[in-house]
């Protein structure tokens, strides 16, 4: 008795591209999580205040703000910080003020937007 041959299901090129893209995203996410973990640990140890170039901080903050905005526009209203984030009120105000200044938004305009958007 011979064993039946099983056909290997083939996938289309777009499906293969999607699978490859998802694998790249998963790998990048894992690498980012590892890097963020190491950065947070070094920051908490007090080893990063002078060592991190401002250009790196700018790129990281820009990417985080854009990603958070994308999540918001996709309908995912997630808290900005996770539990145990360690961000104090002064740091939040300093960063928020700098972000608003960088995009030329006054505090009054932010208040109006929040009222219009019912945020």
PDB file of N, CA and C in Angstrom:
ATOM      1  N   UNK A   1       0.833  -1.152   0.000  1.00  0.00           N
ATOM      2  CA  UNK A   1       0.000   0.000   0.000  1.00  0.00           C
ATOM      3  C   UNK A   1       0.890   1.232   0.000  1.00  0.00           C
ATOM      4  N   UNK A   2       0.655   2.064  -0.949  1.00  0.00           N
ATOM      5  CA  UNK A   2       1.481   3.265  -1.053  1.00  0.00           C
ATOM      6  C   UNK A   2       0.814   4.409  -0.296  1.00  0.00           C
ATOM      7  N   UNK A   3       1.643   5.279   0.223  1.00  0.00           N
ATOM      8  CA  UNK A   3       1.085   6.420   0.971  1.00  0.00           C
ATOM      9  C   UNK A   3       0.640   7.495  -0.006  1.00  0.00           C
ATOM     10  N   UNK A   4      -0.481   8.107   0.287  1.00  0.00           N
ATOM     11  CA  UNK A   4      -0.965   9.151  -0.606  1.00  0.00           C
ATOM     12  C   UNK A   4      -0.034  10.355  -0.551  1.00  0.00           C
ATOM     13  N   UNK A   5       0.081  10.993  -1.678  1.00  0.00           N
ATOM     14  CA  UNK A   5       0.910  12.192  -1.724  1.00  0.00           C
ATOM     15  C   UNK A   5       0.075  13.375  -1.270  1.00  0.00           C
ATOM     16  N   UNK A   6       0.697  14.171  -0.454  1.00  0.00           N
ATOM     17  CA  UNK A   6       0.021  15.366   0.028  1.00  0.00           C
ATOM     18  C   UNK A   6       0.585  16.576  -0.700  1.00  0.00           C
ATOM     19  N   UNK A   7      -0.305  17.340  -1.221  1.00  0.00           N
ATOM     20  CA  UNK A   7       0.118  18.557  -1.910  1.00  0.00           C
ATOM     21  C   UNK A   7       0.411  19.632  -0.869  1.00  0.00           C
ATOM     22  N   UNK A   8       1.533  20.265  -1.030  1.00  0.00           N
ATOM     23  CA  UNK A   8       1.873  21.370  -0.144  1.00  0.00           C
ATOM     24  C   UNK A   8       1.101  22.594  -0.604  1.00  0.00           C
ATOM     25  N   UNK A   9       0.320  23.169   0.300  1.00  0.00           N
ATOM     26  CA  UNK A   9      -0.434  24.344  -0.127  1.00  0.00           C
ATOM     27  C   UNK A   9       0.525  25.484  -0.457  1.00  0.00           C
ATOM     28  N   UNK A  10       0.261  26.118  -1.560  1.00  0.00           N
ATOM     29  CA  UNK A  10       1.115  27.238  -1.940  1.00  0.00           C
ATOM     30  C   UNK A  10       0.427  28.535  -1.535  1.00  0.00           C
ATOM     31  N   UNK A  11       1.236  29.532  -1.310  1.00  0.00           N
ATOM     32  CA  UNK A  11       0.673  30.828  -0.957  1.00  0.00           C
ATOM     33  C   UNK A  11       1.015  31.817  -2.055  1.00  0.00           C
ATOM     34  N   UNK A  12       0.172  32.788  -2.187  1.00  0.00           N
ATOM     35  CA  UNK A  12       0.377  33.787  -3.231  1.00  0.00           C
ATOM     36  C   UNK A  12       1.500  34.736  -2.826  1.00  0.00           C
ATOM     37  N   UNK A  13       2.003  35.460  -3.799  1.00  0.00           N
ATOM     38  CA  UNK A  13       3.069  36.427  -3.537  1.00  0.00           C
ATOM     39  C   UNK A  13       2.635  37.479  -2.518  1.00  0.00           C
ATOM     40  N   UNK A  14       1.410  38.036  -2.630  1.00  0.00           N
ATOM     41  CA  UNK A  14       1.001  39.013  -1.610  1.00  0.00           C
ATOM     42  C   UNK A  14       0.930  38.414  -0.208  1.00  0.00           C
ATOM     43  N   UNK A  15       0.489  37.144  -0.115  1.00  0.00           N
ATOM     44  CA  UNK A  15       0.443  36.487   1.192  1.00  0.00           C
ATOM     45  C   UNK A  15       1.852  36.283   1.743  1.00  0.00           C
ATOM     46  N   UNK A  16       2.773  35.898   0.871  1.00  0.00           N
ATOM     47  CA  UNK A  16       4.163  35.707   1.289  1.00  0.00           C
ATOM     48  C   UNK A  16       4.766  37.028   1.753  1.00  0.00           C
ATOM     49  N   UNK A  17       4.460  38.109   1.043  1.00  0.00           N
ATOM     50  CA  UNK A  17       4.958  39.430   1.438  1.00  0.00           C
ATOM     51  C   UNK A  17       4.399  39.834   2.794  1.00  0.00           C
ATOM     52  N   UNK A  18       3.127  39.529   3.029  1.00  0.00           N
ATOM     53  CA  UNK A  18       2.500  39.858   4.306  1.00  0.00           C
ATOM     54  C   UNK A  18       3.152  39.072   5.439  1.00  0.00           C
ATOM     55  N   UNK A  19       3.396  37.796   5.207  1.00  0.00           N
ATOM     56  CA  UNK A  19       4.036  36.956   6.224  1.00  0.00           C
ATOM     57  C   UNK A  19       5.441  37.476   6.521  1.00  0.00           C
ATOM     58  N   UNK A  20       6.172  37.826   5.467  1.00  0.00           N
ATOM     59  CA  UNK A  20       7.526  38.359   5.642  1.00  0.00           C
ATOM     60  C   UNK A  20       7.490  39.690   6.400  1.00  0.00           C
ATOM     61  N   UNK A  21       6.541  40.538   6.048  1.00  0.00           N
ATOM     62  CA  UNK A  21       6.407  41.842   6.710  1.00  0.00           C
ATOM     63  C   UNK A  21       6.091  41.654   8.189  1.00  0.00           C
ATOM     64  N   UNK A  22       5.166  40.745   8.498  1.00  0.00           N
ATOM     65  CA  UNK A  22       4.813  40.489   9.894  1.00  0.00           C
ATOM     66  C   UNK A  22       6.009  39.942  10.673  1.00  0.00           C
ATOM     67  N   UNK A  23       6.819  39.118  10.031  1.00  0.00           N
ATOM     68  CA  UNK A  23       8.010  38.578  10.690  1.00  0.00           C
ATOM     69  C   UNK A  23       9.015  39.693  10.968  1.00  0.00           C
ATOM     70  N   UNK A  24       9.187  40.606  10.008  1.00  0.00           N
ATOM     71  CA  UNK A  24      10.100  41.743  10.212  1.00  0.00           C
ATOM     72  C   UNK A  24       9.602  42.638  11.343  1.00  0.00           C
ATOM     73  N   UNK A  25       8.294  42.881  11.380  1.00  0.00           N
ATOM     74  CA  UNK A  25       7.717  43.714  12.442  1.00  0.00           C
ATOM     75  C   UNK A  25       7.918  43.050  13.797  1.00  0.00           C
ATOM     76  N   UNK A  26       7.692  41.738  13.867  1.00  0.00           N
ATOM     77  CA  UNK A  26       7.871  41.013  15.131  1.00  0.00           C
ATOM     78  C   UNK A  26       9.326  41.080  15.590  1.00  0.00           C
ATOM     79  N   UNK A  27      10.267  40.924  14.663  1.00  0.00           N
ATOM     80  CA  UNK A  27      11.685  40.990  15.014  1.00  0.00           C
ATOM     81  C   UNK A  27      12.067  42.397  15.467  1.00  0.00           C
ATOM     82  N   UNK A  28      11.574  43.407  14.766  1.00  0.00           N
ATOM     83  CA  UNK A  28      11.864  44.793  15.142  1.00  0.00           C
ATOM     84  C   UNK A  28      11.260  45.124  16.498  1.00  0.00           C
ATOM     85  N   UNK A  29      10.061  44.629  16.749  1.00  0.00           N
ATOM     86  CA  UNK A  29       9.399  44.870  18.034  1.00  0.00           C
ATOM     87  C   UNK A  29      10.193  44.237  19.170  1.00  0.00           C
ATOM     88  N   UNK A  30      10.655  43.018  18.961  1.00  0.00           N
ATOM     89  CA  UNK A  30      11.450  42.338  19.992  1.00  0.00           C
ATOM     90  C   UNK A  30      12.752  43.095  20.254  1.00  0.00           C
ATOM     91  N   UNK A  31      13.411  43.548  19.192  1.00  0.00           N
ATOM     92  CA  UNK A  31      14.655  44.303  19.350  1.00  0.00           C
ATOM     93  C   UNK A  31      14.399  45.625  20.068  1.00  0.00           C
ATOM     94  N   UNK A  32      13.301  46.289  19.717  1.00  0.00           N
ATOM     95  CA  UNK A  32      12.955  47.553  20.361  1.00  0.00           C
ATOM     96  C   UNK A  32      12.660  47.346  21.842  1.00  0.00           C
ATOM     97  N   UNK A  33      11.903  46.302  22.169  1.00  0.00           N
ATOM     98  CA  UNK A  33      11.596  46.015  23.577  1.00  0.00           C
ATOM     99  C   UNK A  33      12.876  45.766  24.370  1.00  0.00           C
ATOM    100  N   UNK A  34      13.821  45.043  23.776  1.00  0.00           N
ATOM    101  CA  UNK A  34      15.086  44.776  24.454  1.00  0.00           C
ATOM    102  C   UNK A  34      15.869  46.071  24.659  1.00  0.00           C
ATOM    103  N   UNK A  35      15.929  46.902  23.623  1.00  0.00           N
ATOM    104  CA  UNK A  35      16.653  48.167  23.711  1.00  0.00           C
ATOM    105  C   UNK A  35      16.018  49.097  24.742  1.00  0.00           C
ATOM    106  N   UNK A  36      14.701  49.192  24.727  1.00  0.00           N
ATOM    107  CA  UNK A  36      14.004  50.040  25.695  1.00  0.00           C
ATOM    108  C   UNK A  36      14.261  49.530  27.111  1.00  0.00           C
ATOM    109  N   UNK A  37      14.205  48.229  27.304  1.00  0.00           N
ATOM    110  CA  UNK A  37      14.474  47.659  28.625  1.00  0.00           C
ATOM    111  C   UNK A  37      15.868  48.002  29.124  1.00  0.00           C
ATOM    112  N   UNK A  38      16.864  47.871  28.257  1.00  0.00           N
ATOM    113  CA  UNK A  38      18.239  48.206  28.638  1.00  0.00           C
ATOM    114  C   UNK A  38      18.379  49.700  28.914  1.00  0.00           C
ATOM    115  N   UNK A  39      17.721  50.521  28.109  1.00  0.00           N
ATOM    116  CA  UNK A  39      17.790  51.971  28.287  1.00  0.00           C
ATOM    117  C   UNK A  39      17.155  52.383  29.606  1.00  0.00           C
ATOM    118  N   UNK A  40      15.987  51.829  29.909  1.00  0.00           N
ATOM    119  CA  UNK A  40      15.306  52.147  31.169  1.00  0.00           C
ATOM    120  C   UNK A  40      16.160  51.711  32.357  1.00  0.00           C
ATOM    121  N   UNK A  41      16.748  50.529  32.278  1.00  0.00           N
ATOM    122  CA  UNK A  41      17.590  50.045  33.373  1.00  0.00           C
ATOM    123  C   UNK A  41      18.795  50.966  33.581  1.00  0.00           C
ATOM    124  N   UNK A  42      19.429  51.390  32.494  1.00  0.00           N
ATOM    125  CA  UNK A  42      20.573  52.296  32.606  1.00  0.00           C
ATOM    126  C   UNK A  42      20.143  53.656  33.143  1.00  0.00           C
ATOM    127  N   UNK A  43      18.990  54.140  32.706  1.00  0.00           N
ATOM    128  CA  UNK A  43      18.474  55.422  33.185  1.00  0.00           C
ATOM    129  C   UNK A  43      18.190  55.358  34.681  1.00  0.00           C
ATOM    130  N   UNK A  44      17.560  54.273  35.123  1.00  0.00           N
ATOM    131  CA  UNK A  44      17.251  54.116  36.546  1.00  0.00           C
ATOM    132  C   UNK A  44      18.513  53.975  37.387  1.00  0.00           C
ATOM    133  N   UNK A  45      19.585  53.467  36.787  1.00  0.00           N
ATOM    134  CA  UNK A  45      20.853  53.340  37.500  1.00  0.00           C
ATOM    135  C   UNK A  45      21.631  54.654  37.495  1.00  0.00           C
ATOM    136  N   UNK A  46      21.102  55.666  36.805  1.00  0.00           N
ATOM    137  CA  UNK A  46      21.754  56.969  36.745  1.00  0.00           C
ATOM    138  C   UNK A  46      22.907  57.025  35.770  1.00  0.00           C
ATOM    139  N   UNK A  47      22.969  56.076  34.864  1.00  0.00           N
ATOM    140  CA  UNK A  47      24.107  55.983  33.957  1.00  0.00           C
ATOM    141  C   UNK A  47      23.866  56.617  32.596  1.00  0.00           C
ATOM    142  N   UNK A  48      22.735  57.282  32.397  1.00  0.00           N
ATOM    143  CA  UNK A  48      22.425  57.714  31.035  1.00  0.00           C
ATOM    144  C   UNK A  48      22.252  59.215  30.861  1.00  0.00           C
ATOM    145  N   UNK A  49      22.381  60.001  31.891  1.00  0.00           N
ATOM    146  CA  UNK A  49      22.056  61.415  31.745  1.00  0.00           C
ATOM    147  C   UNK A  49      22.931  62.116  30.718  1.00  0.00           C
ATOM    148  N   UNK A  50      24.198  61.819  30.669  1.00  0.00           N
ATOM    149  CA  UNK A  50      25.106  62.479  29.729  1.00  0.00           C
ATOM    150  C   UNK A  50      25.430  61.599  28.524  1.00  0.00           C
ATOM    151  N   UNK A  51      25.219  60.305  28.650  1.00  0.00           N
ATOM    152  CA  UNK A  51      25.677  59.368  27.629  1.00  0.00           C
ATOM    153  C   UNK A  51      24.810  59.326  26.380  1.00  0.00           C
ATOM    154  N   UNK A  52      23.549  59.713  26.487  1.00  0.00           N
ATOM    155  CA  UNK A  52      22.643  59.593  25.350  1.00  0.00           C
ATOM    156  C   UNK A  52      22.683  60.871  24.526  1.00  0.00           C
ATOM    157  N   UNK A  53      23.019  60.771  23.238  1.00  0.00           N
ATOM    158  CA  UNK A  53      23.028  61.974  22.402  1.00  0.00           C
ATOM    159  C   UNK A  53      21.606  62.504  22.202  1.00  0.00           C
ATOM    160  N   UNK A  54      21.453  63.825  22.211  1.00  0.00           N
ATOM    161  CA  UNK A  54      20.129  64.432  22.070  1.00  0.00           C
ATOM    162  C   UNK A  54      19.452  64.017  20.769  1.00  0.00           C
ATOM    163  N   UNK A  55      20.217  63.798  19.721  1.00  0.00           N
ATOM    164  CA  UNK A  55      19.616  63.367  18.452  1.00  0.00           C
ATOM    165  C   UNK A  55      18.879  62.039  18.630  1.00  0.00           C
ATOM    166  N   UNK A  56      19.440  61.144  19.406  1.00  0.00           N
ATOM    167  CA  UNK A  56      18.776  59.873  19.675  1.00  0.00           C
ATOM    168  C   UNK A  56      17.498  60.058  20.470  1.00  0.00           C
ATOM    169  N   UNK A  57      17.543  60.950  21.456  1.00  0.00           N
ATOM    170  CA  UNK A  57      16.347  61.243  22.253  1.00  0.00           C
ATOM    171  C   UNK A  57      15.268  61.844  21.354  1.00  0.00           C
ATOM    172  N   UNK A  58      15.664  62.768  20.476  1.00  0.00           N
ATOM    173  CA  UNK A  58      14.706  63.400  19.562  1.00  0.00           C
ATOM    174  C   UNK A  58      14.053  62.372  18.650  1.00  0.00           C
ATOM    175  N   UNK A  59      14.846  61.482  18.089  1.00  0.00           N
ATOM    176  CA  UNK A  59      14.300  60.457  17.196  1.00  0.00           C
ATOM    177  C   UNK A  59      13.346  59.531  17.945  1.00  0.00           C
ATOM    178  N   UNK A  60      13.737  59.130  19.146  1.00  0.00           N
ATOM    179  CA  UNK A  60      12.903  58.233  19.943  1.00  0.00           C
ATOM    180  C   UNK A  60      11.586  58.901  20.317  1.00  0.00           C
ATOM    181  N   UNK A  61      11.656  60.158  20.763  1.00  0.00           N
ATOM    182  CA  UNK A  61      10.442  60.870  21.155  1.00  0.00           C
ATOM    183  C   UNK A  61       9.541  61.118  19.951  1.00  0.00           C
ATOM    184  N   UNK A  62      10.133  61.493  18.815  1.00  0.00           N
ATOM    185  CA  UNK A  62       9.340  61.704  17.594  1.00  0.00           C
ATOM    186  C   UNK A  62       8.612  60.428  17.188  1.00  0.00           C
ATOM    187  N   UNK A  63       9.327  59.317  17.208  1.00  0.00           N
ATOM    188  CA  UNK A  63       8.713  58.044  16.825  1.00  0.00           C
ATOM    189  C   UNK A  63       7.613  57.654  17.805  1.00  0.00           C
ATOM    190  N   UNK A  64       7.858  57.848  19.094  1.00  0.00           N
ATOM    191  CA  UNK A  64       6.857  57.483  20.103  1.00  0.00           C
ATOM    192  C   UNK A  64       5.595  58.325  19.958  1.00  0.00           C
ATOM    193  N   UNK A  65       5.760  59.629  19.722  1.00  0.00           N
ATOM    194  CA  UNK A  65       4.595  60.510  19.568  1.00  0.00           C
ATOM    195  C   UNK A  65       3.805  60.136  18.322  1.00  0.00           C
ATOM    196  N   UNK A  66       4.507  59.875  17.210  1.00  0.00           N
ATOM    197  CA  UNK A  66       3.803  59.496  15.977  1.00  0.00           C
ATOM    198  C   UNK A  66       3.091  58.160  16.143  1.00  0.00           C
ATOM    199  N   UNK A  67       3.737  57.210  16.789  1.00  0.00           N
ATOM    200  CA  UNK A  67       3.122  55.902  17.012  1.00  0.00           C
ATOM    201  C   UNK A  67       1.894  56.030  17.904  1.00  0.00           C
ATOM    202  N   UNK A  68       1.994  56.822  18.957  1.00  0.00           N
ATOM    203  CA  UNK A  68       0.850  57.010  19.844  1.00  0.00           C
ATOM    204  C   UNK A  68      -0.295  57.673  19.084  1.00  0.00           C
ATOM    205  N   UNK A  69       0.015  58.677  18.260  1.00  0.00           N
ATOM    206  CA  UNK A  69      -1.019  59.332  17.453  1.00  0.00           C
ATOM    207  C   UNK A  69      -1.683  58.363  16.494  1.00  0.00           C
ATOM    208  N   UNK A  70      -0.899  57.492  15.887  1.00  0.00           N
ATOM    209  CA  UNK A  70      -1.445  56.488  14.975  1.00  0.00           C
ATOM    210  C   UNK A  70      -2.395  55.551  15.717  1.00  0.00           C
ATOM    211  N   UNK A  71      -1.996  55.127  16.911  1.00  0.00           N
ATOM    212  CA  UNK A  71      -2.855  54.258  17.719  1.00  0.00           C
ATOM    213  C   UNK A  71      -4.157  54.974  18.078  1.00  0.00           C
ATOM    214  N   UNK A  72      -4.061  56.255  18.437  1.00  0.00           N
ATOM    215  CA  UNK A  72      -5.243  57.043  18.794  1.00  0.00           C
ATOM    216  C   UNK A  72      -6.198  57.131  17.611  1.00  0.00           C
ATOM    217  N   UNK A  73      -5.662  57.458  16.434  1.00  0.00           N
ATOM    218  CA  UNK A  73      -6.507  57.604  15.246  1.00  0.00           C
ATOM    219  C   UNK A  73      -7.099  56.272  14.791  1.00  0.00           C
ATOM    220  N   UNK A  74      -6.481  55.169  15.198  1.00  0.00           N
ATOM    221  CA  UNK A  74      -7.013  53.843  14.879  1.00  0.00           C
ATOM    222  C   UNK A  74      -8.087  53.419  15.885  1.00  0.00           C
ATOM    223  N   UNK A  75      -8.394  54.307  16.836  1.00  0.00           N
ATOM    224  CA  UNK A  75      -9.443  54.005  17.802  1.00  0.00           C
ATOM    225  C   UNK A  75      -8.966  53.297  19.052  1.00  0.00           C
ATOM    226  N   UNK A  76      -7.666  53.194  19.227  1.00  0.00           N
ATOM    227  CA  UNK A  76      -7.116  52.532  20.413  1.00  0.00           C
ATOM    228  C   UNK A  76      -6.756  53.592  21.444  1.00  0.00           C
ATOM    229  N   UNK A  77      -7.645  53.844  22.363  1.00  0.00           N
ATOM    230  CA  UNK A  77      -7.428  54.857  23.388  1.00  0.00           C
ATOM    231  C   UNK A  77      -6.719  54.212  24.570  1.00  0.00           C
ATOM    232  N   UNK A  78      -5.404  54.120  24.465  1.00  0.00           N
ATOM    233  CA  UNK A  78      -4.614  53.453  25.496  1.00  0.00           C
ATOM    234  C   UNK A  78      -3.962  54.497  26.403  1.00  0.00           C
ATOM    235  N   UNK A  79      -3.720  54.157  27.652  1.00  0.00           N
ATOM    236  CA  UNK A  79      -3.025  55.096  28.538  1.00  0.00           C
ATOM    237  C   UNK A  79      -1.636  55.410  27.973  1.00  0.00           C
ATOM    238  N   UNK A  80      -1.215  56.648  28.109  1.00  0.00           N
ATOM    239  CA  UNK A  80       0.073  57.067  27.551  1.00  0.00           C
ATOM    240  C   UNK A  80       1.247  56.345  28.217  1.00  0.00           C
ATOM    241  N   UNK A  81       1.127  56.065  29.507  1.00  0.00           N
ATOM    242  CA  UNK A  81       2.194  55.371  30.229  1.00  0.00           C
ATOM    243  C   UNK A  81       1.641  54.096  30.839  1.00  0.00           C
ATOM    244  N   UNK A  82       2.504  53.096  30.942  1.00  0.00           N
ATOM    245  CA  UNK A  82       2.121  51.860  31.607  1.00  0.00           C
ATOM    246  C   UNK A  82       2.290  51.989  33.115  1.00  0.00           C
ATOM    247  N   UNK A  83       1.887  50.965  33.838  1.00  0.00           N
ATOM    248  CA  UNK A  83       2.031  50.977  35.295  1.00  0.00           C
ATOM    249  C   UNK A  83       3.498  51.052  35.675  1.00  0.00           C
ATOM    250  N   UNK A  84       3.772  51.781  36.732  1.00  0.00           N
ATOM    251  CA  UNK A  84       5.144  51.889  37.219  1.00  0.00           C
ATOM    252  C   UNK A  84       6.051  52.661  36.282  1.00  0.00           C
ATOM    253  N   UNK A  85       5.498  53.588  35.525  1.00  0.00           N
ATOM    254  CA  UNK A  85       6.252  54.306  34.497  1.00  0.00           C
ATOM    255  C   UNK A  85       7.343  55.203  35.054  1.00  0.00           C
ATOM    256  N   UNK A  86       7.177  55.740  36.242  1.00  0.00           N
ATOM    257  CA  UNK A  86       8.213  56.567  36.850  1.00  0.00           C
ATOM    258  C   UNK A  86       8.296  57.986  36.326  1.00  0.00           C
ATOM    259  N   UNK A  87       7.354  58.407  35.492  1.00  0.00           N
ATOM    260  CA  UNK A  87       7.361  59.779  34.981  1.00  0.00           C
ATOM    261  C   UNK A  87       6.705  60.667  36.031  1.00  0.00           C
ATOM    262  N   UNK A  88       7.442  61.699  36.481  1.00  0.00           N
ATOM    263  CA  UNK A  88       6.846  62.598  37.465  1.00  0.00           C
ATOM    264  C   UNK A  88       6.186  63.782  36.757  1.00  0.00           C
ATOM    265  N   UNK A  89       5.434  64.565  37.509  1.00  0.00           N
ATOM    266  CA  UNK A  89       4.667  65.670  36.933  1.00  0.00           C
ATOM    267  C   UNK A  89       5.571  66.703  36.264  1.00  0.00           C
ATOM    268  N   UNK A  90       6.709  66.992  36.871  1.00  0.00           N
ATOM    269  CA  UNK A  90       7.614  67.981  36.285  1.00  0.00           C
ATOM    270  C   UNK A  90       8.136  67.508  34.938  1.00  0.00           C
ATOM    271  N   UNK A  91       8.587  66.255  34.866  1.00  0.00           N
ATOM    272  CA  UNK A  91       9.079  65.722  33.592  1.00  0.00           C
ATOM    273  C   UNK A  91       7.984  65.742  32.534  1.00  0.00           C
ATOM    274  N   UNK A  92       6.757  65.393  32.929  1.00  0.00           N
ATOM    275  CA  UNK A  92       5.638  65.407  31.980  1.00  0.00           C
ATOM    276  C   UNK A  92       5.370  66.820  31.479  1.00  0.00           C
ATOM    277  N   UNK A  93       5.396  67.803  32.376  1.00  0.00           N
ATOM    278  CA  UNK A  93       5.141  69.186  31.959  1.00  0.00           C
ATOM    279  C   UNK A  93       6.259  69.725  31.077  1.00  0.00           C
ATOM    280  N   UNK A  94       7.499  69.404  31.408  1.00  0.00           N
ATOM    281  CA  UNK A  94       8.632  69.853  30.595  1.00  0.00           C
ATOM    282  C   UNK A  94       8.525  69.281  29.186  1.00  0.00           C
ATOM    283  N   UNK A  95       8.270  67.978  29.089  1.00  0.00           N
ATOM    284  CA  UNK A  95       8.163  67.333  27.774  1.00  0.00           C
ATOM    285  C   UNK A  95       6.957  67.850  27.004  1.00  0.00           C
ATOM    286  N   UNK A  96       5.820  67.985  27.673  1.00  0.00           N
ATOM    287  CA  UNK A  96       4.609  68.468  27.004  1.00  0.00           C
ATOM    288  C   UNK A  96       4.805  69.876  26.478  1.00  0.00           C
ATOM    289  N   UNK A  97       5.403  70.738  27.287  1.00  0.00           N
ATOM    290  CA  UNK A  97       5.665  72.113  26.861  1.00  0.00           C
ATOM    291  C   UNK A  97       6.585  72.133  25.644  1.00  0.00           C
ATOM    292  N   UNK A  98       7.625  71.317  25.663  1.00  0.00           N
ATOM    293  CA  UNK A  98       8.559  71.271  24.535  1.00  0.00           C
ATOM    294  C   UNK A  98       7.884  70.735  23.273  1.00  0.00           C
ATOM    295  N   UNK A  99       7.020  69.743  23.424  1.00  0.00           N
ATOM    296  CA  UNK A  99       6.299  69.189  22.268  1.00  0.00           C
ATOM    297  C   UNK A  99       5.386  70.248  21.670  1.00  0.00           C
ATOM    298  N   UNK A 100       4.618  70.933  22.507  1.00  0.00           N
ATOM    299  CA  UNK A 100       3.716  71.976  22.006  1.00  0.00           C
ATOM    300  C   UNK A 100       4.498  73.083  21.307  1.00  0.00           C
ATOM    301  N   UNK A 101       5.614  73.485  21.883  1.00  0.00           N
ATOM    302  CA  UNK A 101       6.453  74.529  21.278  1.00  0.00           C
ATOM    303  C   UNK A 101       7.001  74.072  19.926  1.00  0.00           C
ATOM    304  N   UNK A 102       7.421  72.817  19.848  1.00  0.00           N
ATOM    305  CA  UNK A 102       8.015  72.292  18.613  1.00  0.00           C
ATOM    306  C   UNK A 102       7.030  72.284  17.452  1.00  0.00           C
ATOM    307  N   UNK A 103       5.740  72.117  17.752  1.00  0.00           N
ATOM    308  CA  UNK A 103       4.732  72.082  16.685  1.00  0.00           C
ATOM    309  C   UNK A 103       3.922  73.376  16.628  1.00  0.00           C
ATOM    310  N   UNK A 104       4.420  74.407  17.341  1.00  0.00           N
ATOM    311  CA  UNK A 104       3.831  75.746  17.319  1.00  0.00           C
ATOM    312  C   UNK A 104       2.359  75.742  17.740  1.00  0.00           C
ATOM    313  N   UNK A 105       2.074  75.075  18.847  1.00  0.00           N
ATOM    314  CA  UNK A 105       0.724  75.031  19.414  1.00  0.00           C
ATOM    315  C   UNK A 105       0.768  75.715  20.779  1.00  0.00           C
ATOM    316  N   UNK A 106      -0.164  76.629  20.991  1.00  0.00           N
ATOM    317  CA  UNK A 106      -0.283  77.298  22.286  1.00  0.00           C
ATOM    318  C   UNK A 106      -1.175  76.460  23.200  1.00  0.00           C
ATOM    319  N   UNK A 107      -1.008  76.641  24.489  1.00  0.00           N
ATOM    320  CA  UNK A 107      -1.802  75.898  25.457  1.00  0.00           C
ATOM    321  C   UNK A 107      -3.295  76.151  25.253  1.00  0.00           C
ATOM    322  N   UNK A 108      -3.662  77.370  24.898  1.00  0.00           N
ATOM    323  CA  UNK A 108      -5.064  77.696  24.626  1.00  0.00           C
ATOM    324  C   UNK A 108      -5.600  76.837  23.481  1.00  0.00           C
ATOM    325  N   UNK A 109      -4.790  76.676  22.427  1.00  0.00           N
ATOM    326  CA  UNK A 109      -5.214  75.864  21.282  1.00  0.00           C
ATOM    327  C   UNK A 109      -5.407  74.404  21.684  1.00  0.00           C
ATOM    328  N   UNK A 110      -4.541  73.921  22.546  1.00  0.00           N
ATOM    329  CA  UNK A 110      -4.693  72.554  23.043  1.00  0.00           C
ATOM    330  C   UNK A 110      -6.010  72.415  23.796  1.00  0.00           C
ATOM    331  N   UNK A 111      -6.317  73.389  24.646  1.00  0.00           N
ATOM    332  CA  UNK A 111      -7.574  73.363  25.386  1.00  0.00           C
ATOM    333  C   UNK A 111      -8.779  73.377  24.462  1.00  0.00           C
ATOM    334  N   UNK A 112      -8.715  74.191  23.405  1.00  0.00           N
ATOM    335  CA  UNK A 112      -9.817  74.245  22.439  1.00  0.00           C
ATOM    336  C   UNK A 112      -9.964  72.905  21.726  1.00  0.00           C
ATOM    337  N   UNK A 113      -8.848  72.322  21.309  1.00  0.00           N
ATOM    338  CA  UNK A 113      -8.896  71.027  20.626  1.00  0.00           C
ATOM    339  C   UNK A 113      -9.516  69.971  21.531  1.00  0.00           C
ATOM    340  N   UNK A 114      -9.106  69.965  22.797  1.00  0.00           N
ATOM    341  CA  UNK A 114      -9.655  68.986  23.735  1.00  0.00           C
ATOM    342  C   UNK A 114     -11.159  69.171  23.901  1.00  0.00           C
ATOM    343  N   UNK A 115     -11.608  70.423  23.917  1.00  0.00           N
ATOM    344  CA  UNK A 115     -13.036  70.684  24.057  1.00  0.00           C
ATOM    345  C   UNK A 115     -13.786  70.225  22.805  1.00  0.00           C
ATOM    346  N   UNK A 116     -13.265  70.548  21.629  1.00  0.00           N
ATOM    347  CA  UNK A 116     -13.920  70.162  20.376  1.00  0.00           C
ATOM    348  C   UNK A 116     -13.937  68.647  20.207  1.00  0.00           C
ATOM    349  N   UNK A 117     -12.829  68.025  20.569  1.00  0.00           N
ATOM    350  CA  UNK A 117     -12.705  66.574  20.400  1.00  0.00           C
ATOM    351  C   UNK A 117     -13.323  65.804  21.569  1.00  0.00           C
ATOM    352  N   UNK A 118     -13.803  66.544  22.557  1.00  0.00           N
ATOM    353  CA  UNK A 118     -14.380  65.933  23.765  1.00  0.00           C
ATOM    354  C   UNK A 118     -13.390  64.972  24.415  1.00  0.00           C
ATOM    355  N   UNK A 119     -12.150  65.419  24.534  1.00  0.00           N
ATOM    356  CA  UNK A 119     -11.072  64.633  25.140  1.00  0.00           C
ATOM    357  C   UNK A 119     -10.908  65.033  26.575  1.00  0.00           C
TER     358      UNK A 119
END
